[in-house]
Amino acid sequence: MATTTDAAEPPRNARNERRRARTRLQILDAAEAVFTREGFHGARVEAVAEAADLSVGTLYLHFGGKHDILLALVDRSLELFEAYMERTADPAFSPLQRVLAGGDAYLRFHLDHPGLFDLLATGIRAVDGTDETLVRNVAERVDALLRAFAAQIDAAIAAGEARPVDAVELTRFLWGAWNGVIALRHQIPGLRPTTAEIEATLETGRWILREGLAGPGLRGADGGVGDRLPLPRIADPAR
């Protein structure tokens, strides 16, 4: 007959699953740090295990090897990217602010998870043996995010807050511009901006976007927008 304590305890299988999930997360956290520091090709499974404070044998109980860890990190990258971009739809933002929030979401994703950002931006193409299914999955999910962003531009136009513009073309331009600015951190010394300089550059880009895209109803006598439409900030999706 089970005691009260026994009955109150979760089933052993449930406890094991939670423990397994925590260990996988621990490994992925360590792999993100190691891959960011050393790159995929330079990273060793032993270094990931050491960073996770686990034995190599324990790591292999959860992942078949470095490539399997990469696949899991790609999925994590996509989930995080989606979470950051979903924050741009905050109902507290006006339609045009949701568009402007996209630049901050992109920046925050890069600042909080530079390795995962690089993985989506360029890293997947650099990994030998990456199957076409993975590449297609990434392309489809990122394309869905870009289409959702273009829909936000169209919504701002429909609300009269933004000037008429081809939303798909503007989305493509902004995606390339944001990626390009952030990619400058991989430039050679002397051309490589600091993190603070990258942040300031993207903030200038958001200011230019606001001042150029805003409709006449948001403009003052001087033709500018300024504080009539503050540049929005994106909260950390993990909070």
C-alpha atoms as a PDB file:
ATOM      1  CA  MET A   1       0.000   0.000   0.000  1.00  0.00           C
ATOM      2  CA  ALA A   2       1.448   3.410  -1.038  1.00  0.00           C
ATOM      3  CA  THR A   3       2.115   5.953   1.644  1.00  0.00           C
ATOM      4  CA  THR A   4       0.940   9.555   1.430  1.00  0.00           C
ATOM      5  CA  THR A   5       4.489  10.620   0.585  1.00  0.00           C
ATOM      6  CA  ASP A   6       4.744   8.033  -2.179  1.00  0.00           C
ATOM      7  CA  ALA A   7       1.433   9.146  -3.647  1.00  0.00           C
ATOM      8  CA  ALA A   8       2.535  12.783  -3.638  1.00  0.00           C
ATOM      9  CA  GLU A   9       5.774  12.055  -5.483  1.00  0.00           C
ATOM     10  CA  PRO A  10       5.714  12.312  -9.278  1.00  0.00           C
ATOM     11  CA  PRO A  11       6.135   9.033 -11.201  1.00  0.00           C
ATOM     12  CA  ARG A  12       9.706   7.919 -11.647  1.00  0.00           C
ATOM     13  CA  ASN A  13       9.431   8.142 -15.443  1.00  0.00           C
ATOM     14  CA  ALA A  14       8.317  11.774 -15.206  1.00  0.00           C
ATOM     15  CA  ARG A  15      11.239  12.589 -12.897  1.00  0.00           C
ATOM     16  CA  ASN A  16      13.657  10.855 -15.268  1.00  0.00           C
ATOM     17  CA  GLU A  17      12.299  12.778 -18.242  1.00  0.00           C
ATOM     18  CA  ARG A  18      12.701  16.091 -16.430  1.00  0.00           C
ATOM     19  CA  ARG A  19      16.240  15.162 -15.418  1.00  0.00           C
ATOM     20  CA  ARG A  20      17.020  14.164 -19.005  1.00  0.00           C
ATOM     21  CA  ALA A  21      15.593  17.446 -20.316  1.00  0.00           C
ATOM     22  CA  ARG A  22      17.691  19.437 -17.844  1.00  0.00           C
ATOM     23  CA  THR A  23      20.847  17.582 -18.875  1.00  0.00           C
ATOM     24  CA  ARG A  24      20.146  18.157 -22.584  1.00  0.00           C
ATOM     25  CA  LEU A  25      19.642  21.855 -21.879  1.00  0.00           C
ATOM     26  CA  GLN A  26      22.897  21.909 -19.909  1.00  0.00           C
ATOM     27  CA  ILE A  27      24.718  20.369 -22.884  1.00  0.00           C
ATOM     28  CA  LEU A  28      23.168  22.794 -25.359  1.00  0.00           C
ATOM     29  CA  ASP A  29      24.053  25.790 -23.172  1.00  0.00           C
ATOM     30  CA  ALA A  30      27.647  24.560 -23.071  1.00  0.00           C
ATOM     31  CA  ALA A  31      27.709  23.819 -26.805  1.00  0.00           C
ATOM     32  CA  GLU A  32      26.392  27.286 -27.611  1.00  0.00           C
ATOM     33  CA  ALA A  33      29.271  28.818 -25.631  1.00  0.00           C
ATOM     34  CA  VAL A  34      31.918  26.492 -27.105  1.00  0.00           C
ATOM     35  CA  PHE A  35      30.678  26.808 -30.708  1.00  0.00           C
ATOM     36  CA  THR A  36      30.537  30.605 -30.334  1.00  0.00           C
ATOM     37  CA  ARG A  37      34.108  30.694 -29.068  1.00  0.00           C
ATOM     38  CA  GLU A  38      35.718  28.037 -31.290  1.00  0.00           C
ATOM     39  CA  GLY A  39      33.367  27.597 -34.248  1.00  0.00           C
ATOM     40  CA  PHE A  40      31.690  24.342 -35.221  1.00  0.00           C
ATOM     41  CA  HIS A  41      34.747  22.792 -36.856  1.00  0.00           C
ATOM     42  CA  GLY A  42      37.119  23.883 -34.102  1.00  0.00           C
ATOM     43  CA  ALA A  43      34.918  22.719 -31.240  1.00  0.00           C
ATOM     44  CA  ARG A  44      35.546  19.315 -29.687  1.00  0.00           C
ATOM     45  CA  VAL A  45      32.930  17.149 -28.013  1.00  0.00           C
ATOM     46  CA  GLU A  46      35.280  16.881 -25.027  1.00  0.00           C
ATOM     47  CA  ALA A  47      35.268  20.677 -24.656  1.00  0.00           C
ATOM     48  CA  VAL A  48      31.466  20.729 -24.712  1.00  0.00           C
ATOM     49  CA  ALA A  49      31.316  17.994 -22.077  1.00  0.00           C
ATOM     50  CA  GLU A  50      33.821  19.837 -19.899  1.00  0.00           C
ATOM     51  CA  ALA A  51      31.886  23.116 -20.220  1.00  0.00           C
ATOM     52  CA  ALA A  52      28.698  21.265 -19.269  1.00  0.00           C
ATOM     53  CA  ASP A  53      30.498  19.686 -16.276  1.00  0.00           C
ATOM     54  CA  LEU A  54      29.598  16.233 -17.572  1.00  0.00           C
ATOM     55  CA  SER A  55      31.531  13.208 -18.712  1.00  0.00           C
ATOM     56  CA  VAL A  56      31.875  12.581 -22.429  1.00  0.00           C
ATOM     57  CA  GLY A  57      29.994   9.329 -21.906  1.00  0.00           C
ATOM     58  CA  THR A  58      27.032  11.179 -20.404  1.00  0.00           C
ATOM     59  CA  LEU A  59      27.003  13.571 -23.362  1.00  0.00           C
ATOM     60  CA  TYR A  60      26.826  10.639 -25.771  1.00  0.00           C
ATOM     61  CA  LEU A  61      23.829   9.273 -23.894  1.00  0.00           C
ATOM     62  CA  HIS A  62      21.934  12.355 -25.039  1.00  0.00           C
ATOM     63  CA  PHE A  63      23.513  13.147 -28.419  1.00  0.00           C
ATOM     64  CA  GLY A  64      25.113  10.962 -31.047  1.00  0.00           C
ATOM     65  CA  GLY A  65      27.917  13.471 -31.578  1.00  0.00           C
ATOM     66  CA  LYS A  66      28.750  17.010 -32.570  1.00  0.00           C
ATOM     67  CA  HIS A  67      26.486  17.007 -35.624  1.00  0.00           C
ATOM     68  CA  ASP A  68      23.481  15.954 -33.528  1.00  0.00           C
ATOM     69  CA  ILE A  69      24.240  18.789 -31.117  1.00  0.00           C
ATOM     70  CA  LEU A  70      24.357  21.157 -34.090  1.00  0.00           C
ATOM     71  CA  LEU A  71      20.901  20.040 -35.232  1.00  0.00           C
ATOM     72  CA  ALA A  72      19.499  20.697 -31.759  1.00  0.00           C
ATOM     73  CA  LEU A  73      21.164  24.124 -31.660  1.00  0.00           C
ATOM     74  CA  VAL A  74      19.667  25.015 -35.044  1.00  0.00           C
ATOM     75  CA  ASP A  75      16.229  24.209 -33.692  1.00  0.00           C
ATOM     76  CA  ARG A  76      16.940  26.259 -30.564  1.00  0.00           C
ATOM     77  CA  SER A  77      18.145  29.149 -32.751  1.00  0.00           C
ATOM     78  CA  LEU A  78      14.916  29.122 -34.735  1.00  0.00           C
ATOM     79  CA  GLU A  79      12.771  28.965 -31.616  1.00  0.00           C
ATOM     80  CA  LEU A  80      14.627  31.906 -30.075  1.00  0.00           C
ATOM     81  CA  PHE A  81      14.509  33.954 -33.275  1.00  0.00           C
ATOM     82  CA  GLU A  82      10.766  33.324 -33.462  1.00  0.00           C
ATOM     83  CA  ALA A  83      10.351  34.290 -29.801  1.00  0.00           C
ATOM     84  CA  TYR A  84      12.213  37.581 -30.259  1.00  0.00           C
ATOM     85  CA  MET A  85      10.266  38.490 -33.389  1.00  0.00           C
ATOM     86  CA  GLU A  86       6.950  37.564 -31.772  1.00  0.00           C
ATOM     87  CA  ARG A  87       7.661  40.267 -29.185  1.00  0.00           C
ATOM     88  CA  THR A  88       7.372  42.883 -31.951  1.00  0.00           C
ATOM     89  CA  ALA A  89       3.605  42.221 -32.051  1.00  0.00           C
ATOM     90  CA  ASP A  90       3.182  43.653 -28.542  1.00  0.00           C
ATOM     91  CA  PRO A  91      -0.332  45.200 -28.422  1.00  0.00           C
ATOM     92  CA  ALA A  92       1.137  48.178 -26.538  1.00  0.00           C
ATOM     93  CA  PHE A  93       2.983  49.149 -29.748  1.00  0.00           C
ATOM     94  CA  SER A  94       1.336  51.084 -32.549  1.00  0.00           C
ATOM     95  CA  PRO A  95       1.409  49.459 -36.031  1.00  0.00           C
ATOM     96  CA  LEU A  96       4.529  51.382 -37.099  1.00  0.00           C
ATOM     97  CA  GLN A  97       6.235  50.756 -33.757  1.00  0.00           C
ATOM     98  CA  ARG A  98       5.839  47.013 -34.400  1.00  0.00           C
ATOM     99  CA  VAL A  99       7.833  47.482 -37.584  1.00  0.00           C
ATOM    100  CA  LEU A 100      10.485  49.537 -35.794  1.00  0.00           C
ATOM    101  CA  ALA A 101      10.636  46.928 -33.022  1.00  0.00           C
ATOM    102  CA  GLY A 102      11.952  44.429 -35.560  1.00  0.00           C
ATOM    103  CA  GLY A 103      15.366  46.107 -35.567  1.00  0.00           C
ATOM    104  CA  ASP A 104      15.601  45.940 -31.800  1.00  0.00           C
ATOM    105  CA  ALA A 105      14.472  42.293 -31.776  1.00  0.00           C
ATOM    106  CA  TYR A 106      17.204  41.440 -34.270  1.00  0.00           C
ATOM    107  CA  LEU A 107      19.790  43.290 -32.203  1.00  0.00           C
ATOM    108  CA  ARG A 108      18.723  41.689 -28.903  1.00  0.00           C
ATOM    109  CA  PHE A 109      18.872  38.197 -30.433  1.00  0.00           C
ATOM    110  CA  HIS A 110      22.423  38.907 -31.612  1.00  0.00           C
ATOM    111  CA  LEU A 111      23.542  40.445 -28.303  1.00  0.00           C
ATOM    112  CA  ASP A 112      22.065  37.677 -26.145  1.00  0.00           C
ATOM    113  CA  HIS A 113      22.962  34.720 -28.392  1.00  0.00           C
ATOM    114  CA  PRO A 114      25.705  35.690 -30.890  1.00  0.00           C
ATOM    115  CA  GLY A 115      26.613  32.093 -31.664  1.00  0.00           C
ATOM    116  CA  LEU A 116      23.044  31.082 -32.413  1.00  0.00           C
ATOM    117  CA  PHE A 117      22.542  34.240 -34.465  1.00  0.00           C
ATOM    118  CA  ASP A 118      25.598  33.364 -36.581  1.00  0.00           C
ATOM    119  CA  LEU A 119      24.363  29.807 -36.956  1.00  0.00           C
ATOM    120  CA  LEU A 120      21.215  31.018 -38.689  1.00  0.00           C
ATOM    121  CA  ALA A 121      22.874  33.878 -40.566  1.00  0.00           C
ATOM    122  CA  THR A 122      25.856  32.056 -42.064  1.00  0.00           C
ATOM    123  CA  GLY A 123      26.953  29.068 -40.021  1.00  0.00           C
ATOM    124  CA  ILE A 124      24.707  26.394 -41.493  1.00  0.00           C
ATOM    125  CA  ARG A 125      26.130  26.893 -44.976  1.00  0.00           C
ATOM    126  CA  ALA A 126      29.651  26.408 -43.617  1.00  0.00           C
ATOM    127  CA  VAL A 127      29.002  23.018 -42.017  1.00  0.00           C
ATOM    128  CA  ASP A 128      29.955  20.036 -44.166  1.00  0.00           C
ATOM    129  CA  GLY A 129      27.414  17.274 -44.403  1.00  0.00           C
ATOM    130  CA  THR A 130      24.397  19.431 -43.556  1.00  0.00           C
ATOM    131  CA  ASP A 131      21.442  17.718 -45.189  1.00  0.00           C
ATOM    132  CA  GLU A 132      19.013  19.512 -47.482  1.00  0.00           C
ATOM    133  CA  THR A 133      16.086  18.815 -45.145  1.00  0.00           C
ATOM    134  CA  LEU A 134      17.728  20.913 -42.429  1.00  0.00           C
ATOM    135  CA  VAL A 135      18.507  23.764 -44.825  1.00  0.00           C
ATOM    136  CA  ARG A 136      14.937  23.682 -46.182  1.00  0.00           C
ATOM    137  CA  ASN A 137      13.495  23.711 -42.652  1.00  0.00           C
ATOM    138  CA  VAL A 138      15.565  26.763 -41.710  1.00  0.00           C
ATOM    139  CA  ALA A 139      14.652  28.532 -44.951  1.00  0.00           C
ATOM    140  CA  GLU A 140      10.932  27.880 -44.495  1.00  0.00           C
ATOM    141  CA  ARG A 141      10.821  29.050 -40.887  1.00  0.00           C
ATOM    142  CA  VAL A 142      12.906  32.175 -41.496  1.00  0.00           C
ATOM    143  CA  ASP A 143      10.816  32.941 -44.593  1.00  0.00           C
ATOM    144  CA  ALA A 144       7.662  32.694 -42.461  1.00  0.00           C
ATOM    145  CA  LEU A 145       9.132  35.263 -40.051  1.00  0.00           C
ATOM    146  CA  LEU A 146      10.042  37.601 -42.903  1.00  0.00           C
ATOM    147  CA  ARG A 147       6.549  37.302 -44.376  1.00  0.00           C
ATOM    148  CA  ALA A 148       5.059  38.077 -40.951  1.00  0.00           C
ATOM    149  CA  PHE A 149       7.280  41.159 -40.733  1.00  0.00           C
ATOM    150  CA  ALA A 150       6.180  42.274 -44.208  1.00  0.00           C
ATOM    151  CA  ALA A 151       2.579  41.890 -43.039  1.00  0.00           C
ATOM    152  CA  GLN A 152       3.357  44.255 -40.151  1.00  0.00           C
ATOM    153  CA  ILE A 153       4.589  46.839 -42.663  1.00  0.00           C
ATOM    154  CA  ASP A 154       1.372  46.442 -44.648  1.00  0.00           C
ATOM    155  CA  ALA A 155      -0.635  46.852 -41.428  1.00  0.00           C
ATOM    156  CA  ALA A 156       1.209  50.100 -40.633  1.00  0.00           C
ATOM    157  CA  ILE A 157       0.430  51.355 -44.151  1.00  0.00           C
ATOM    158  CA  ALA A 158      -3.230  50.383 -43.793  1.00  0.00           C
ATOM    159  CA  ALA A 159      -3.395  52.224 -40.447  1.00  0.00           C
ATOM    160  CA  GLY A 160      -2.054  55.383 -42.078  1.00  0.00           C
ATOM    161  CA  GLU A 161       1.107  55.373 -39.942  1.00  0.00           C
ATOM    162  CA  ALA A 162       3.442  54.416 -42.797  1.00  0.00           C
ATOM    163  CA  ARG A 163       3.857  55.669 -46.318  1.00  0.00           C
ATOM    164  CA  PRO A 164       2.907  53.282 -49.131  1.00  0.00           C
ATOM    165  CA  VAL A 165       5.863  51.042 -49.919  1.00  0.00           C
ATOM    166  CA  ASP A 166       6.456  47.522 -51.219  1.00  0.00           C
ATOM    167  CA  ALA A 167       6.531  45.611 -47.927  1.00  0.00           C
ATOM    168  CA  VAL A 168       8.408  42.612 -49.323  1.00  0.00           C
ATOM    169  CA  GLU A 169      11.155  44.761 -50.850  1.00  0.00           C
ATOM    170  CA  LEU A 170      11.539  46.793 -47.661  1.00  0.00           C
ATOM    171  CA  THR A 171      11.668  43.612 -45.581  1.00  0.00           C
ATOM    172  CA  ARG A 172      14.375  42.203 -47.825  1.00  0.00           C
ATOM    173  CA  PHE A 173      16.388  45.429 -47.585  1.00  0.00           C
ATOM    174  CA  LEU A 174      16.121  45.638 -43.791  1.00  0.00           C
ATOM    175  CA  TRP A 175      16.988  41.956 -43.348  1.00  0.00           C
ATOM    176  CA  GLY A 176      20.114  42.419 -45.456  1.00  0.00           C
ATOM    177  CA  ALA A 177      21.042  45.682 -43.731  1.00  0.00           C
ATOM    178  CA  TRP A 178      20.616  44.324 -40.198  1.00  0.00           C
ATOM    179  CA  ASN A 179      22.571  41.169 -41.047  1.00  0.00           C
ATOM    180  CA  GLY A 180      25.265  43.239 -42.716  1.00  0.00           C
ATOM    181  CA  VAL A 181      25.773  45.590 -39.780  1.00  0.00           C
ATOM    182  CA  ILE A 182      25.958  42.745 -37.278  1.00  0.00           C
ATOM    183  CA  ALA A 183      28.343  40.809 -39.539  1.00  0.00           C
ATOM    184  CA  LEU A 184      30.850  43.672 -39.233  1.00  0.00           C
ATOM    185  CA  ARG A 185      31.935  42.181 -35.905  1.00  0.00           C
ATOM    186  CA  HIS A 186      33.748  39.510 -37.945  1.00  0.00           C
ATOM    187  CA  GLN A 187      35.809  42.091 -39.837  1.00  0.00           C
ATOM    188  CA  ILE A 188      39.590  42.321 -39.448  1.00  0.00           C
ATOM    189  CA  PRO A 189      40.993  44.427 -36.594  1.00  0.00           C
ATOM    190  CA  GLY A 190      40.769  48.092 -37.441  1.00  0.00           C
ATOM    191  CA  LEU A 191      37.507  47.609 -39.342  1.00  0.00           C
ATOM    192  CA  ARG A 192      35.706  45.679 -36.625  1.00  0.00           C
ATOM    193  CA  PRO A 193      33.240  47.854 -34.652  1.00  0.00           C
ATOM    194  CA  THR A 194      32.648  47.272 -30.982  1.00  0.00           C
ATOM    195  CA  THR A 195      29.379  45.849 -29.723  1.00  0.00           C
ATOM    196  CA  ALA A 196      28.393  49.336 -28.548  1.00  0.00           C
ATOM    197  CA  GLU A 197      29.128  50.743 -32.017  1.00  0.00           C
ATOM    198  CA  ILE A 198      27.036  48.034 -33.682  1.00  0.00           C
ATOM    199  CA  GLU A 199      24.183  48.798 -31.310  1.00  0.00           C
ATOM    200  CA  ALA A 200      24.458  52.535 -32.010  1.00  0.00           C
ATOM    201  CA  THR A 201      24.549  51.908 -35.780  1.00  0.00           C
ATOM    202  CA  LEU A 202      21.373  49.838 -35.704  1.00  0.00           C
ATOM    203  CA  GLU A 203      19.726  52.461 -33.515  1.00  0.00           C
ATOM    204  CA  THR A 204      20.579  55.080 -36.146  1.00  0.00           C
ATOM    205  CA  GLY A 205      19.087  52.756 -38.744  1.00  0.00           C
ATOM    206  CA  ARG A 206      15.856  52.515 -36.771  1.00  0.00           C
ATOM    207  CA  TRP A 207      15.746  56.324 -36.500  1.00  0.00           C
ATOM    208  CA  ILE A 208      16.196  56.645 -40.272  1.00  0.00           C
ATOM    209  CA  LEU A 209      13.494  54.023 -40.869  1.00  0.00           C
ATOM    210  CA  ARG A 210      11.046  55.834 -38.596  1.00  0.00           C
ATOM    211  CA  GLU A 211      11.723  59.247 -40.108  1.00  0.00           C
ATOM    212  CA  GLY A 212      11.557  57.941 -43.669  1.00  0.00           C
ATOM    213  CA  LEU A 213       8.614  55.545 -43.394  1.00  0.00           C
ATOM    214  CA  ALA A 214       6.234  57.480 -41.120  1.00  0.00           C
ATOM    215  CA  GLY A 215       3.121  58.913 -42.714  1.00  0.00           C
ATOM    216  CA  PRO A 216       2.202  62.612 -42.638  1.00  0.00           C
ATOM    217  CA  GLY A 217      -0.108  62.190 -39.632  1.00  0.00           C
ATOM    218  CA  LEU A 218       2.876  61.449 -37.381  1.00  0.00           C
ATOM    219  CA  ARG A 219       4.961  64.410 -38.526  1.00  0.00           C
ATOM    220  CA  GLY A 220       5.279  67.793 -36.877  1.00  0.00           C
ATOM    221  CA  ALA A 221       5.595  71.210 -38.412  1.00  0.00           C
ATOM    222  CA  ASP A 222       9.289  70.579 -39.077  1.00  0.00           C
ATOM    223  CA  GLY A 223       8.453  67.424 -41.029  1.00  0.00           C
ATOM    224  CA  GLY A 224      10.053  65.106 -38.466  1.00  0.00           C
ATOM    225  CA  VAL A 225       8.550  62.454 -36.193  1.00  0.00           C
ATOM    226  CA  GLY A 226      10.803  62.440 -33.116  1.00  0.00           C
ATOM    227  CA  ASP A 227       9.175  61.745 -29.783  1.00  0.00           C
ATOM    228  CA  ARG A 228       5.712  61.554 -31.325  1.00  0.00           C
ATOM    229  CA  LEU A 229       6.568  57.906 -31.951  1.00  0.00           C
ATOM    230  CA  PRO A 230       9.229  56.610 -29.513  1.00  0.00           C
ATOM    231  CA  LEU A 231      11.494  53.813 -30.736  1.00  0.00           C
ATOM    232  CA  PRO A 232      10.251  50.655 -28.955  1.00  0.00           C
ATOM    233  CA  ARG A 233      12.362  48.143 -27.033  1.00  0.00           C
ATOM    234  CA  ILE A 234      11.980  44.370 -27.006  1.00  0.00           C
ATOM    235  CA  ALA A 235      11.920  42.517 -23.686  1.00  0.00           C
ATOM    236  CA  ASP A 236      13.908  39.313 -23.217  1.00  0.00           C
ATOM    237  CA  PRO A 237      11.624  36.424 -24.316  1.00  0.00           C
ATOM    238  CA  ALA A 238      13.053  34.297 -21.490  1.00  0.00           C
ATOM    239  CA  ARG A 239      11.513  36.607 -18.873  1.00  0.00           C
END
